[in-house]
């Protein structure tokens, strides 16, 4: 069903995406938009694509940094445990070998 006026389409958009006519109303308004508005819509789409690409880059490099920090922490803990164990064996007088 087509809309008879821009105001009717805007009322449907204000209801929200739950309205089954929401996409139809959006298309109706975009088709009747001025060239400047269409340009701004295109700019908005491109900015959203760029933000998504930047977010994917950040999220793909984050786990690598996280794993490096975790492995470094495990190494420090293991080294500390070994050193403490060595100190205990020396103080007790045990020798390996």
C-alpha atoms as a PDB file:
ATOM      1  CA  UNK A   1       0.000   0.000   0.000  1.00  0.00           C
ATOM      2  CA  UNK A   2       1.411   3.365  -0.987  1.00  0.00           C
ATOM      3  CA  UNK A   3       1.297   6.379   1.250  1.00  0.00           C
ATOM      4  CA  UNK A   4      -0.829   9.351   0.295  1.00  0.00           C
ATOM      5  CA  UNK A   5       1.383  11.913   2.013  1.00  0.00           C
ATOM      6  CA  UNK A   6       4.791  12.448   3.518  1.00  0.00           C
ATOM      7  CA  UNK A   7       3.192  13.095   6.914  1.00  0.00           C
ATOM      8  CA  UNK A   8       1.556   9.676   6.867  1.00  0.00           C
ATOM      9  CA  UNK A   9       4.904   7.999   6.115  1.00  0.00           C
ATOM     10  CA  UNK A  10       6.613   9.969   8.885  1.00  0.00           C
ATOM     11  CA  UNK A  11       3.940   8.884  11.377  1.00  0.00           C
ATOM     12  CA  UNK A  12       4.674   5.246  10.489  1.00  0.00           C
ATOM     13  CA  UNK A  13       8.425   5.819  10.944  1.00  0.00           C
ATOM     14  CA  UNK A  14       7.881   7.364  14.361  1.00  0.00           C
ATOM     15  CA  UNK A  15       6.059   4.227  15.515  1.00  0.00           C
ATOM     16  CA  UNK A  16       9.273   2.282  14.984  1.00  0.00           C
ATOM     17  CA  UNK A  17      10.600  -0.716  13.096  1.00  0.00           C
ATOM     18  CA  UNK A  18       8.047  -3.001  14.729  1.00  0.00           C
ATOM     19  CA  UNK A  19       5.462  -1.559  12.360  1.00  0.00           C
ATOM     20  CA  UNK A  20       5.185  -3.806   9.297  1.00  0.00           C
ATOM     21  CA  UNK A  21       4.945  -0.737   7.035  1.00  0.00           C
ATOM     22  CA  UNK A  22       8.143   0.854   8.394  1.00  0.00           C
ATOM     23  CA  UNK A  23      10.403  -0.159   5.483  1.00  0.00           C
ATOM     24  CA  UNK A  24       7.738   0.813   2.959  1.00  0.00           C
ATOM     25  CA  UNK A  25       7.466   4.249   4.596  1.00  0.00           C
ATOM     26  CA  UNK A  26      11.240   4.667   4.608  1.00  0.00           C
ATOM     27  CA  UNK A  27      11.441   3.786   0.911  1.00  0.00           C
ATOM     28  CA  UNK A  28       8.600   6.195   0.146  1.00  0.00           C
ATOM     29  CA  UNK A  29      10.416   9.058   1.862  1.00  0.00           C
ATOM     30  CA  UNK A  30      13.819   8.235   0.360  1.00  0.00           C
ATOM     31  CA  UNK A  31      12.328   8.156  -3.147  1.00  0.00           C
ATOM     32  CA  UNK A  32      10.912  11.653  -2.614  1.00  0.00           C
ATOM     33  CA  UNK A  33      13.975  13.107  -0.886  1.00  0.00           C
ATOM     34  CA  UNK A  34      15.978  15.961  -2.353  1.00  0.00           C
ATOM     35  CA  UNK A  35      19.401  15.257  -3.894  1.00  0.00           C
ATOM     36  CA  UNK A  36      21.086  16.755  -0.820  1.00  0.00           C
ATOM     37  CA  UNK A  37      19.229  14.420   1.519  1.00  0.00           C
ATOM     38  CA  UNK A  38      20.082  11.436  -0.701  1.00  0.00           C
ATOM     39  CA  UNK A  39      23.737  12.516  -0.592  1.00  0.00           C
ATOM     40  CA  UNK A  40      23.642  12.693   3.207  1.00  0.00           C
ATOM     41  CA  UNK A  41      22.103   9.206   3.349  1.00  0.00           C
ATOM     42  CA  UNK A  42      24.925   7.902   1.159  1.00  0.00           C
ATOM     43  CA  UNK A  43      27.518   9.621   3.359  1.00  0.00           C
ATOM     44  CA  UNK A  44      25.910   8.064   6.432  1.00  0.00           C
ATOM     45  CA  UNK A  45      26.092   4.587   4.869  1.00  0.00           C
ATOM     46  CA  UNK A  46      29.762   5.060   3.993  1.00  0.00           C
ATOM     47  CA  UNK A  47      30.593   6.286   7.506  1.00  0.00           C
ATOM     48  CA  UNK A  48      28.811   3.274   8.983  1.00  0.00           C
ATOM     49  CA  UNK A  49      30.792   0.924   6.701  1.00  0.00           C
ATOM     50  CA  UNK A  50      34.045   2.610   7.770  1.00  0.00           C
ATOM     51  CA  UNK A  51      33.153   2.334  11.473  1.00  0.00           C
ATOM     52  CA  UNK A  52      32.341  -1.349  11.055  1.00  0.00           C
ATOM     53  CA  UNK A  53      35.623  -1.978   9.230  1.00  0.00           C
ATOM     54  CA  UNK A  54      37.568  -0.109  11.929  1.00  0.00           C
ATOM     55  CA  UNK A  55      35.737  -2.057  14.646  1.00  0.00           C
ATOM     56  CA  UNK A  56      36.591  -5.360  12.960  1.00  0.00           C
ATOM     57  CA  UNK A  57      40.259  -4.346  12.731  1.00  0.00           C
ATOM     58  CA  UNK A  58      40.326  -3.488  16.426  1.00  0.00           C
ATOM     59  CA  UNK A  59      38.504  -6.626  17.472  1.00  0.00           C
ATOM     60  CA  UNK A  60      40.746  -8.866  15.361  1.00  0.00           C
ATOM     61  CA  UNK A  61      43.999  -7.445  16.832  1.00  0.00           C
ATOM     62  CA  UNK A  62      42.752  -7.332  20.426  1.00  0.00           C
ATOM     63  CA  UNK A  63      42.806 -11.111  21.044  1.00  0.00           C
ATOM     64  CA  UNK A  64      46.454 -11.292  19.910  1.00  0.00           C
ATOM     65  CA  UNK A  65      47.448  -8.628  22.430  1.00  0.00           C
ATOM     66  CA  UNK A  66      45.355 -10.329  25.080  1.00  0.00           C
ATOM     67  CA  UNK A  67      47.046 -13.699  24.497  1.00  0.00           C
ATOM     68  CA  UNK A  68      50.521 -12.129  24.619  1.00  0.00           C
ATOM     69  CA  UNK A  69      49.700 -10.553  27.991  1.00  0.00           C
ATOM     70  CA  UNK A  70      48.242 -13.827  29.315  1.00  0.00           C
ATOM     71  CA  UNK A  71      51.278 -15.845  28.198  1.00  0.00           C
ATOM     72  CA  UNK A  72      53.631 -13.259  29.676  1.00  0.00           C
ATOM     73  CA  UNK A  73      51.726 -13.435  32.972  1.00  0.00           C
ATOM     74  CA  UNK A  74      51.879 -17.240  32.997  1.00  0.00           C
ATOM     75  CA  UNK A  75      55.622 -17.092  32.359  1.00  0.00           C
ATOM     76  CA  UNK A  76      56.153 -14.649  35.234  1.00  0.00           C
ATOM     77  CA  UNK A  77      54.040 -16.771  37.606  1.00  0.00           C
ATOM     78  CA  UNK A  78      55.818 -19.992  36.596  1.00  0.00           C
ATOM     79  CA  UNK A  79      59.221 -18.337  36.992  1.00  0.00           C
ATOM     80  CA  UNK A  80      58.274 -16.958  40.399  1.00  0.00           C
ATOM     81  CA  UNK A  81      56.986 -20.359  41.545  1.00  0.00           C
ATOM     82  CA  UNK A  82      60.205 -21.999  40.388  1.00  0.00           C
ATOM     83  CA  UNK A  83      62.325 -19.414  42.173  1.00  0.00           C
ATOM     84  CA  UNK A  84      60.314 -19.799  45.398  1.00  0.00           C
ATOM     85  CA  UNK A  85      60.641 -23.569  45.128  1.00  0.00           C
ATOM     86  CA  UNK A  86      64.394 -23.239  44.628  1.00  0.00           C
ATOM     87  CA  UNK A  87      64.645 -20.954  47.692  1.00  0.00           C
ATOM     88  CA  UNK A  88      62.686 -23.448  49.818  1.00  0.00           C
ATOM     89  CA  UNK A  89      64.835 -26.403  48.760  1.00  0.00           C
ATOM     90  CA  UNK A  90      68.005 -24.423  49.484  1.00  0.00           C
ATOM     91  CA  UNK A  91      66.782 -23.393  52.936  1.00  0.00           C
ATOM     92  CA  UNK A  92      65.774 -26.957  53.825  1.00  0.00           C
ATOM     93  CA  UNK A  93      69.065 -28.291  52.560  1.00  0.00           C
ATOM     94  CA  UNK A  94      67.755 -30.524  49.795  1.00  0.00           C
ATOM     95  CA  UNK A  95      69.817 -30.939  46.695  1.00  0.00           C
ATOM     96  CA  UNK A  96      68.795 -32.316  43.347  1.00  0.00           C
ATOM     97  CA  UNK A  97      71.462 -34.445  41.871  1.00  0.00           C
END
